[in-house]
């Protein structure tokens, strides 16, 4: 009888122990998800969490984007995660998107990122499913208009419809680290080789068929000043650049709903593979400026002045 009791106690203890190792209490799902939660045994922490205490990020210096060659790791044309295939963009130039941002922290801290670097949750970095590694992004929290520049050196997020995973420090700079999620706009910053990013200037690329301000990369007044100084006449306003045609069509529909037939819109695929939504053309600089103001008043922020060459 004593032997039976001992065996029962051992069996019960084993069951409880396996229950503690289960991911049901961590993820609210079945034990089979342990493989995903642990990254195939890579991570000892199953559920990500913030660092202990409330960190301060005001003292952290802003990143200064510069040209960098593509990383050896993390830039295959396509890759597969948990049975789903993702494709990597050839270039980040002109990339603008809006969506949900999450953050990742202590679970991944000190582990290698997709391009082989070490993840540091106290630096301004990010994970994205399809941008080349590395890519610099300006990320804006659409709820409070706070912005931060991050460097994408990792892949993800691979759950839900989230657009980007920011490091914990970047999420804190945008003030959504306690909420967990935020609606953001991300804009690629792509300096030319040998150049660094200057937020107070606009680079005009005369070698491409589309001559445009690099990335909503400068304030609108700066664009206008440079255009006047160089004799450049902008012809269109770019409202967005998307990797999917569906997203571009949604923005196009919103513009029609706001302005009906008074607005001239084109949405087509460019050489860089992005679907760009453009308003115009405008022969007169004053007319272009007036439409810029109209768009902003209707909530279409940061229309970028561009030139389309014939």
Protein backbone atom coordinates (compact mmCIF):
# COMPACT_ATOMS: atom_id res chain seq x y z
CA UNK A 1 0.00 0.00 0.00
CA UNK A 2 2.87 2.33 0.86
CA UNK A 3 4.47 1.54 -2.49
CA UNK A 4 1.24 2.47 -4.29
CA UNK A 5 1.06 5.77 -2.44
CA UNK A 6 4.67 6.58 -3.34
CA UNK A 7 4.08 5.75 -6.99
CA UNK A 8 0.94 7.87 -6.99
CA UNK A 9 2.85 10.80 -5.48
CA UNK A 10 5.63 10.47 -8.07
CA UNK A 11 3.11 10.31 -10.91
CA UNK A 12 1.23 13.32 -9.56
CA UNK A 13 4.48 15.28 -9.16
CA UNK A 14 5.48 14.45 -12.72
CA UNK A 15 2.10 15.58 -13.98
CA UNK A 16 2.33 18.87 -12.10
CA UNK A 17 5.88 19.42 -13.32
CA UNK A 18 4.86 18.81 -16.93
CA UNK A 19 1.99 21.21 -16.37
CA UNK A 20 4.48 23.91 -15.28
CA UNK A 21 6.49 23.28 -18.41
CA UNK A 22 3.35 23.50 -20.52
CA UNK A 23 2.84 26.64 -22.59
CA UNK A 24 -0.86 26.65 -21.87
CA UNK A 25 -0.40 28.98 -18.89
CA UNK A 26 2.04 31.07 -20.91
CA UNK A 27 0.29 31.29 -24.25
CA UNK A 28 -3.20 30.07 -23.45
CA UNK A 29 -2.64 27.32 -26.02
CA UNK A 30 -1.74 23.65 -26.17
CA UNK A 31 1.60 22.05 -25.32
CA UNK A 32 2.41 21.62 -29.00
CA UNK A 33 3.11 25.37 -29.12
CA UNK A 34 6.15 24.92 -26.87
CA UNK A 35 8.20 24.49 -30.05
CA UNK A 36 7.17 27.94 -31.25
CA UNK A 37 7.35 29.63 -27.86
CA UNK A 38 10.90 28.41 -27.26
CA UNK A 39 12.10 28.94 -30.83
CA UNK A 40 12.85 25.25 -31.11
CA UNK A 41 14.54 25.28 -27.70
CA UNK A 42 16.56 28.40 -28.45
CA UNK A 43 14.94 30.59 -25.77
CA UNK A 44 14.75 29.70 -22.10
CA UNK A 45 12.00 32.28 -21.54
CA UNK A 46 8.69 31.24 -23.08
CA UNK A 47 6.77 34.48 -22.65
CA UNK A 48 8.47 37.75 -23.49
CA UNK A 49 8.46 40.49 -20.88
CA UNK A 50 9.88 43.92 -20.12
CA UNK A 51 13.08 44.50 -18.17
CA UNK A 52 12.77 44.84 -14.41
CA UNK A 53 11.90 48.41 -13.47
CA UNK A 54 10.97 51.28 -15.75
CA UNK A 55 13.92 52.18 -17.94
CA UNK A 56 14.65 55.73 -19.08
CA UNK A 57 15.49 56.34 -22.73
CA UNK A 58 15.72 60.13 -22.94
CA UNK A 59 19.50 59.97 -22.55
CA UNK A 60 19.95 57.55 -25.45
CA UNK A 61 21.36 59.29 -28.56
CA UNK A 62 19.32 59.29 -31.76
CA UNK A 63 20.58 57.02 -34.53
CA UNK A 64 22.13 58.73 -37.56
CA UNK A 65 21.24 56.67 -40.64
CA UNK A 66 24.06 55.98 -43.06
CA UNK A 67 24.58 53.83 -46.09
CA UNK A 68 25.40 50.24 -45.21
CA UNK A 69 25.85 47.16 -47.41
CA UNK A 70 23.32 44.40 -47.01
CA UNK A 71 24.10 41.94 -44.24
CA UNK A 72 25.35 38.50 -45.19
CA UNK A 73 22.68 36.97 -43.01
CA UNK A 74 18.93 37.45 -43.19
CA UNK A 75 18.68 38.62 -46.80
CA UNK A 76 17.69 35.53 -48.75
CA UNK A 77 15.11 36.38 -51.41
CA UNK A 78 12.61 34.25 -49.52
CA UNK A 79 12.45 32.31 -46.28
CA UNK A 80 9.94 30.18 -44.41
CA UNK A 81 8.78 30.42 -40.78
CA UNK A 82 6.32 27.90 -39.32
CA UNK A 83 5.20 26.80 -42.77
CA UNK A 84 4.65 30.29 -44.21
CA UNK A 85 6.89 31.80 -46.89
CA UNK A 86 8.04 35.43 -46.70
CA UNK A 87 9.80 37.41 -49.43
CA UNK A 88 12.53 39.99 -48.87
CA UNK A 89 12.41 43.27 -50.80
CA UNK A 90 15.34 44.15 -53.08
CA UNK A 91 15.35 47.75 -51.85
CA UNK A 92 13.73 49.79 -49.08
CA UNK A 93 13.81 53.02 -51.07
CA UNK A 94 10.48 54.85 -50.94
CA UNK A 95 8.94 52.34 -48.53
CA UNK A 96 6.15 53.81 -46.37
CA UNK A 97 3.55 51.81 -44.47
CA UNK A 98 1.13 52.07 -41.58
CA UNK A 99 0.14 49.29 -39.21
CA UNK A 100 0.43 47.83 -35.74
CA UNK A 101 3.73 47.85 -33.87
CA UNK A 102 4.59 45.57 -30.97
CA UNK A 103 7.85 45.31 -29.04
CA UNK A 104 10.20 42.53 -27.97
CA UNK A 105 12.35 42.49 -24.90
CA UNK A 106 13.92 40.26 -22.28
CA UNK A 107 13.19 36.91 -23.93
CA UNK A 108 15.38 37.80 -26.91
CA UNK A 109 17.94 40.03 -25.16
CA UNK A 110 21.49 38.76 -25.78
CA UNK A 111 20.47 36.36 -28.55
CA UNK A 112 21.49 36.64 -32.20
CA UNK A 113 19.28 38.57 -34.60
CA UNK A 114 18.56 37.36 -38.14
CA UNK A 115 21.60 39.13 -39.57
CA UNK A 116 23.93 37.70 -36.92
CA UNK A 117 24.15 40.69 -34.58
CA UNK A 118 23.28 40.50 -30.89
CA UNK A 119 19.86 41.84 -29.90
CA UNK A 120 20.00 44.62 -27.32
CA UNK A 121 16.61 45.69 -25.98
CA UNK A 122 18.18 48.94 -24.76
CA UNK A 123 19.12 50.09 -28.28
CA UNK A 124 16.93 51.45 -31.09
CA UNK A 125 16.44 48.45 -33.36
CA UNK A 126 13.56 46.60 -34.98
CA UNK A 127 12.37 43.43 -36.68
CA UNK A 128 10.50 43.44 -40.00
CA UNK A 129 9.40 40.57 -42.21
CA UNK A 130 10.47 41.84 -45.63
CA UNK A 131 12.76 44.91 -45.54
CA UNK A 132 16.44 44.37 -46.43
CA UNK A 133 18.79 44.04 -43.45
CA UNK A 134 19.85 46.51 -42.31
CA UNK A 135 17.31 49.26 -43.06
CA UNK A 136 16.88 52.51 -41.17
CA UNK A 137 13.31 53.56 -40.46
CA UNK A 138 11.61 56.61 -39.04
CA UNK A 139 8.78 55.25 -36.89
CA UNK A 140 5.98 57.56 -35.76
CA UNK A 141 3.38 56.72 -33.13
CA UNK A 142 0.18 57.99 -34.75
CA UNK A 143 -1.52 58.45 -31.38
CA UNK A 144 0.98 60.95 -29.93
CA UNK A 145 3.14 61.83 -32.99
CA UNK A 146 6.35 60.81 -31.21
CA UNK A 147 9.06 59.56 -33.56
CA UNK A 148 12.20 57.46 -33.33
CA UNK A 149 14.75 56.25 -35.87
CA UNK A 150 15.48 52.54 -35.66
CA UNK A 151 17.75 50.12 -37.48
CA UNK A 152 16.10 46.92 -38.73
CA UNK A 153 18.42 43.97 -38.13
CA UNK A 154 15.96 41.16 -37.40
CA UNK A 155 12.99 39.27 -38.85
CA UNK A 156 9.46 39.26 -37.45
CA UNK A 157 6.90 39.66 -36.04
CA UNK A 158 5.31 36.41 -37.21
CA UNK A 159 2.01 36.48 -35.33
CA UNK A 160 -1.20 38.33 -36.06
CA UNK A 161 -1.27 41.23 -38.47
CA UNK A 162 1.55 43.18 -36.84
CA UNK A 163 3.72 45.28 -39.11
CA UNK A 164 6.86 45.67 -37.03
CA UNK A 165 8.50 44.70 -33.73
CA UNK A 166 10.48 47.47 -32.06
CA UNK A 167 13.09 47.03 -29.39
CA UNK A 168 11.86 47.80 -25.88
CA UNK A 169 13.84 51.07 -25.82
CA UNK A 170 12.29 52.23 -29.10
CA UNK A 171 8.80 51.40 -27.81
CA UNK A 172 9.57 53.38 -24.67
CA UNK A 173 10.69 56.36 -26.76
CA UNK A 174 7.32 56.20 -28.54
CA UNK A 175 5.55 55.76 -25.18
CA UNK A 176 3.66 52.55 -25.91
CA UNK A 177 5.90 50.13 -23.98
CA UNK A 178 3.28 49.77 -21.23
CA UNK A 179 0.40 49.31 -23.68
CA UNK A 180 2.18 46.71 -25.78
CA UNK A 181 0.80 47.79 -29.17
CA UNK A 182 0.58 51.04 -31.13
CA UNK A 183 -0.60 52.25 -34.51
CA UNK A 184 2.49 53.54 -36.35
CA UNK A 185 3.76 54.88 -39.63
CA UNK A 186 7.14 53.59 -40.80
CA UNK A 187 9.23 55.37 -43.44
CA UNK A 188 12.46 54.01 -44.87
CA UNK A 189 15.57 56.18 -44.82
CA UNK A 190 17.99 55.20 -47.59
CA UNK A 191 21.09 57.44 -47.84
CA UNK A 192 23.23 56.98 -50.93
CA UNK A 193 26.58 55.26 -50.63
CA UNK A 194 29.04 57.48 -48.80
CA UNK A 195 26.30 59.71 -47.42
CA UNK A 196 24.60 60.04 -44.06
CA UNK A 197 21.06 61.17 -43.38
CA UNK A 198 20.44 64.84 -42.71
CA UNK A 199 16.88 65.42 -41.45
CA UNK A 200 17.08 69.09 -42.45
CA UNK A 201 17.73 68.51 -46.13
CA UNK A 202 16.22 66.73 -49.11
CA UNK A 203 18.16 64.59 -51.58
CA UNK A 204 17.01 64.75 -55.19
CA UNK A 205 18.03 61.73 -57.25
CA UNK A 206 18.42 62.78 -60.88
CA UNK A 207 19.52 59.36 -62.14
CA UNK A 208 16.19 57.62 -61.67
CA UNK A 209 13.06 57.86 -63.78
CA UNK A 210 11.29 59.03 -60.66
CA UNK A 211 12.99 62.00 -59.03
CA UNK A 212 11.65 62.25 -55.52
CA UNK A 213 12.39 63.51 -52.09
CA UNK A 214 13.99 60.60 -50.31
CA UNK A 215 11.38 59.19 -48.01
CA UNK A 216 9.34 62.02 -46.63
CA UNK A 217 12.82 62.58 -45.49
CA UNK A 218 12.58 66.26 -44.93
CA UNK A 219 9.97 68.73 -43.86
CA UNK A 220 7.76 70.15 -46.58
CA UNK A 221 9.12 73.69 -46.32
CA UNK A 222 12.66 72.35 -46.84
CA UNK A 223 11.51 70.53 -49.99
CA UNK A 224 9.97 73.71 -51.31
CA UNK A 225 13.11 75.75 -50.58
CA UNK A 226 15.37 73.25 -52.31
CA UNK A 227 13.04 73.09 -55.31
CA UNK A 228 13.13 76.88 -55.63
CA UNK A 229 16.90 77.01 -55.28
CA UNK A 230 17.55 74.26 -57.83
CA UNK A 231 14.87 75.22 -60.33
CA UNK A 232 13.12 71.87 -59.84
CA UNK A 233 9.35 71.86 -60.32
CA UNK A 234 7.57 69.11 -58.42
CA UNK A 235 4.72 67.55 -60.37
CA UNK A 236 3.03 65.12 -57.96
CA UNK A 237 2.34 64.42 -54.32
CA UNK A 238 3.13 60.90 -53.10
CA UNK A 239 0.73 59.71 -50.40
CA UNK A 240 2.16 56.26 -49.80
CA UNK A 241 4.31 53.39 -51.04
CA UNK A 242 3.18 49.85 -50.26
CA UNK A 243 4.43 46.34 -50.85
CA UNK A 244 0.88 45.16 -51.63
CA UNK A 245 -1.47 46.44 -54.34
CA UNK A 246 -4.42 45.97 -51.99
CA UNK A 247 -3.03 48.52 -49.51
CA UNK A 248 -2.44 51.05 -52.28
CA UNK A 249 -5.99 50.60 -53.54
CA UNK A 250 -7.39 51.15 -50.03
CA UNK A 251 -5.59 54.48 -49.79
CA UNK A 252 -6.75 55.41 -53.28
CA UNK A 253 -10.36 54.68 -52.28
CA UNK A 254 -10.03 56.85 -49.16
CA UNK A 255 -8.81 59.73 -51.31
CA UNK A 256 -11.77 59.38 -53.66
CA UNK A 257 -14.16 59.27 -50.72
CA UNK A 258 -12.67 62.48 -49.34
CA UNK A 259 -12.41 64.48 -52.57
CA UNK A 260 -14.64 62.70 -55.11
CA UNK A 261 -13.73 63.46 -58.73
CA UNK A 262 -11.86 66.68 -57.95
CA UNK A 263 -8.69 64.74 -57.21
CA UNK A 264 -6.38 63.12 -59.77
CA UNK A 265 -4.95 59.85 -58.45
CA UNK A 266 -2.68 57.19 -59.86
CA UNK A 267 -1.67 53.98 -58.08
CA UNK A 268 0.77 51.74 -59.91
CA UNK A 269 3.73 49.47 -59.42
CA UNK A 270 7.12 51.15 -59.73
CA UNK A 271 10.49 49.72 -60.69
CA UNK A 272 11.38 49.15 -57.04
CA UNK A 273 8.41 46.78 -56.72
CA UNK A 274 6.33 49.13 -54.55
CA UNK A 275 2.80 50.28 -55.31
CA UNK A 276 2.89 54.07 -55.04
CA UNK A 277 -0.15 56.29 -54.66
CA UNK A 278 0.36 59.64 -56.39
CA UNK A 279 -1.83 62.72 -56.68
CA UNK A 280 -1.34 64.95 -59.72
CA UNK A 281 0.14 66.03 -62.03
CA UNK A 282 0.16 69.75 -61.24
CA UNK A 283 1.65 72.25 -63.65
CA UNK A 284 1.55 75.07 -61.15
CA UNK A 285 3.54 75.10 -57.89
CA UNK A 286 0.80 77.05 -56.10
CA UNK A 287 -1.82 74.47 -57.09
CA UNK A 288 0.42 71.68 -55.78
CA UNK A 289 0.91 73.56 -52.48
CA UNK A 290 -2.85 74.13 -52.17
CA UNK A 291 -3.54 70.42 -52.61
CA UNK A 292 -0.83 69.62 -50.12
CA UNK A 293 -2.70 71.71 -47.54
CA UNK A 294 -6.08 70.18 -48.48
CA UNK A 295 -4.73 66.68 -48.02
CA UNK A 296 -3.25 67.51 -44.64
CA UNK A 297 -6.49 69.14 -43.50
CA UNK A 298 -8.35 65.92 -44.37
CA UNK A 299 -5.93 63.87 -42.28
CA UNK A 300 -3.62 62.65 -45.06
CA UNK A 301 -0.34 63.48 -43.34
CA UNK A 302 3.07 64.03 -44.92
CA UNK A 303 2.29 64.12 -48.65
CA UNK A 304 5.72 64.00 -50.28
CA UNK A 305 6.55 66.25 -53.24
CA UNK A 306 7.96 64.23 -56.14
CA UNK A 307 8.82 64.68 -59.80
CA UNK A 308 7.75 62.24 -62.48
CA UNK A 309 9.88 62.60 -65.58
CA UNK A 310 8.28 61.94 -68.98
